[in-house]
Amino acid sequence: MTYFDLRITNAHAEGINSRIQAIKVKANRYRNQDHFKTAILFHLGGLDLYPVTHRVVG
């Protein structure tokens, strides 16, 4: 009903939750919670693994 009042959904949050659940399924091999948190930040943090360090001019 919130959608009809405010025209917003929680689809983005549900997408993030489903990705965390997929990581959690694989987390059986993690030894502690810190490794699980690190995996979530790594996969969902939006980091660029290949950042541009310099540009070629020409």
N, C-alpha and C. Protein backbone atom coordinates (compact mmCIF):
# COMPACT_ATOMS: atom_id res chain seq x y z
N MET A 1 0.81 -1.19 0.00
CA MET A 1 0.00 0.00 0.00
C MET A 1 0.86 1.26 0.00
N THR A 2 2.08 1.16 0.50
CA THR A 2 2.96 2.33 0.54
C THR A 2 3.26 2.82 -0.86
N TYR A 3 3.36 1.90 -1.80
CA TYR A 3 3.65 2.29 -3.18
C TYR A 3 2.59 3.26 -3.70
N PHE A 4 1.35 3.00 -3.40
CA PHE A 4 0.28 3.85 -3.92
C PHE A 4 0.27 5.22 -3.25
N ASP A 5 0.74 5.29 -2.01
CA ASP A 5 0.80 6.58 -1.31
C ASP A 5 2.04 7.39 -1.69
N LEU A 6 3.21 6.72 -1.70
CA LEU A 6 4.47 7.44 -1.86
C LEU A 6 5.18 7.19 -3.20
N ARG A 7 4.71 6.20 -3.95
CA ARG A 7 5.30 5.82 -5.24
C ARG A 7 6.76 5.38 -5.09
N ILE A 8 7.06 4.68 -4.00
CA ILE A 8 8.38 4.10 -3.82
C ILE A 8 8.23 2.63 -3.45
N THR A 9 9.26 1.85 -3.74
CA THR A 9 9.25 0.43 -3.38
C THR A 9 10.53 0.12 -2.62
N ASN A 10 10.60 -1.06 -2.07
CA ASN A 10 11.79 -1.50 -1.38
C ASN A 10 12.56 -2.52 -2.23
N ALA A 11 12.42 -2.45 -3.53
CA ALA A 11 13.06 -3.40 -4.44
C ALA A 11 14.57 -3.36 -4.32
N HIS A 12 15.14 -2.19 -4.15
CA HIS A 12 16.59 -2.08 -4.03
C HIS A 12 17.08 -2.80 -2.77
N ALA A 13 16.40 -2.58 -1.66
CA ALA A 13 16.77 -3.25 -0.41
C ALA A 13 16.61 -4.76 -0.52
N GLU A 14 15.56 -5.20 -1.17
CA GLU A 14 15.35 -6.64 -1.34
C GLU A 14 16.43 -7.25 -2.23
N GLY A 15 16.88 -6.51 -3.23
CA GLY A 15 17.97 -6.99 -4.07
C GLY A 15 19.26 -7.15 -3.29
N ILE A 16 19.56 -6.19 -2.44
CA ILE A 16 20.76 -6.27 -1.60
C ILE A 16 20.63 -7.45 -0.63
N ASN A 17 19.46 -7.61 -0.04
CA ASN A 17 19.25 -8.73 0.89
C ASN A 17 19.44 -10.07 0.20
N SER A 18 18.96 -10.22 -1.01
CA SER A 18 19.12 -11.50 -1.70
C SER A 18 20.58 -11.77 -2.03
N ARG A 19 21.34 -10.72 -2.34
CA ARG A 19 22.77 -10.90 -2.61
C ARG A 19 23.51 -11.28 -1.33
N ILE A 20 23.12 -10.69 -0.20
CA ILE A 20 23.73 -11.05 1.08
C ILE A 20 23.40 -12.50 1.44
N GLN A 21 22.18 -12.92 1.16
CA GLN A 21 21.81 -14.31 1.43
C GLN A 21 22.64 -15.27 0.58
N ALA A 22 22.92 -14.91 -0.66
CA ALA A 22 23.76 -15.76 -1.51
C ALA A 22 25.18 -15.85 -0.94
N ILE A 23 25.69 -14.75 -0.42
CA ILE A 23 27.01 -14.76 0.21
C ILE A 23 26.95 -15.61 1.48
N LYS A 24 25.86 -15.52 2.21
CA LYS A 24 25.70 -16.27 3.45
C LYS A 24 25.72 -17.78 3.20
N VAL A 25 25.14 -18.21 2.08
CA VAL A 25 25.15 -19.62 1.73
C VAL A 25 26.58 -20.11 1.55
N LYS A 26 27.40 -19.27 0.94
CA LYS A 26 28.80 -19.62 0.73
C LYS A 26 29.64 -19.42 1.99
N ALA A 27 29.10 -18.78 3.01
CA ALA A 27 29.86 -18.40 4.19
C ALA A 27 30.16 -19.56 5.13
N ASN A 28 29.70 -20.73 4.83
CA ASN A 28 29.97 -21.87 5.70
C ASN A 28 31.47 -22.10 5.87
N ARG A 29 32.24 -21.70 4.89
CA ARG A 29 33.68 -21.92 4.97
C ARG A 29 34.42 -20.79 5.69
N TYR A 30 33.74 -19.71 6.04
CA TYR A 30 34.40 -18.62 6.74
C TYR A 30 34.59 -19.00 8.21
N ARG A 31 35.73 -18.64 8.76
CA ARG A 31 36.05 -19.03 10.12
C ARG A 31 35.41 -18.13 11.17
N ASN A 32 35.15 -16.88 10.82
CA ASN A 32 34.55 -15.99 11.81
C ASN A 32 33.69 -14.94 11.12
N GLN A 33 33.00 -14.16 11.92
CA GLN A 33 32.07 -13.15 11.41
C GLN A 33 32.79 -12.03 10.66
N ASP A 34 34.01 -11.72 11.06
CA ASP A 34 34.74 -10.65 10.37
C ASP A 34 34.98 -11.00 8.91
N HIS A 35 35.25 -12.25 8.63
CA HIS A 35 35.45 -12.66 7.23
C HIS A 35 34.14 -12.54 6.44
N PHE A 36 33.04 -12.86 7.11
CA PHE A 36 31.73 -12.72 6.46
C PHE A 36 31.42 -11.26 6.15
N LYS A 37 31.69 -10.37 7.11
CA LYS A 37 31.49 -8.94 6.89
C LYS A 37 32.37 -8.43 5.76
N THR A 38 33.61 -8.90 5.73
CA THR A 38 34.53 -8.49 4.67
C THR A 38 34.03 -8.94 3.31
N ALA A 39 33.48 -10.15 3.24
CA ALA A 39 32.95 -10.66 1.98
C ALA A 39 31.78 -9.81 1.51
N ILE A 40 30.91 -9.41 2.42
CA ILE A 40 29.77 -8.56 2.05
C ILE A 40 30.26 -7.22 1.51
N LEU A 41 31.21 -6.61 2.23
CA LEU A 41 31.74 -5.33 1.77
C LEU A 41 32.45 -5.46 0.43
N PHE A 42 33.16 -6.56 0.24
CA PHE A 42 33.87 -6.77 -1.02
C PHE A 42 32.90 -6.91 -2.19
N HIS A 43 31.88 -7.72 -2.01
CA HIS A 43 30.96 -7.99 -3.11
C HIS A 43 29.93 -6.89 -3.34
N LEU A 44 29.54 -6.19 -2.29
CA LEU A 44 28.49 -5.18 -2.41
C LEU A 44 28.98 -3.76 -2.22
N GLY A 45 30.27 -3.59 -2.01
CA GLY A 45 30.81 -2.27 -1.70
C GLY A 45 30.94 -1.34 -2.89
N GLY A 46 30.85 -1.87 -4.10
CA GLY A 46 30.94 -1.04 -5.29
C GLY A 46 32.36 -0.55 -5.58
N LEU A 47 33.35 -1.30 -5.12
CA LEU A 47 34.72 -0.91 -5.37
C LEU A 47 35.10 -1.20 -6.81
N ASP A 48 35.93 -0.36 -7.37
CA ASP A 48 36.45 -0.57 -8.71
C ASP A 48 37.77 -1.34 -8.55
N LEU A 49 37.79 -2.59 -9.01
CA LEU A 49 38.99 -3.40 -8.84
C LEU A 49 40.12 -2.97 -9.77
N TYR A 50 39.80 -2.24 -10.81
CA TYR A 50 40.81 -1.77 -11.75
C TYR A 50 40.70 -0.26 -11.90
N PRO A 51 41.07 0.49 -10.87
CA PRO A 51 40.94 1.95 -10.96
C PRO A 51 41.95 2.53 -11.95
N VAL A 52 41.60 3.66 -12.53
CA VAL A 52 42.49 4.34 -13.46
C VAL A 52 43.52 5.09 -12.61
N THR A 53 44.79 4.73 -12.81
CA THR A 53 45.84 5.39 -12.03
C THR A 53 46.48 6.54 -12.81
N HIS A 54 46.47 6.42 -14.11
CA HIS A 54 46.97 7.50 -14.96
C HIS A 54 46.35 7.35 -16.35
N ARG A 55 46.36 8.41 -17.08
CA ARG A 55 45.78 8.39 -18.42
C ARG A 55 46.87 8.60 -19.45
N VAL A 56 46.72 7.95 -20.58
CA VAL A 56 47.65 8.10 -21.69
C VAL A 56 47.18 9.27 -22.52
N VAL A 57 48.03 10.26 -22.70
CA VAL A 57 47.69 11.43 -23.50
C VAL A 57 48.18 11.19 -24.91
N GLY A 58 47.32 11.50 -25.84
CA GLY A 58 47.80 11.39 -27.20
C GLY A 58 46.86 10.75 -28.06
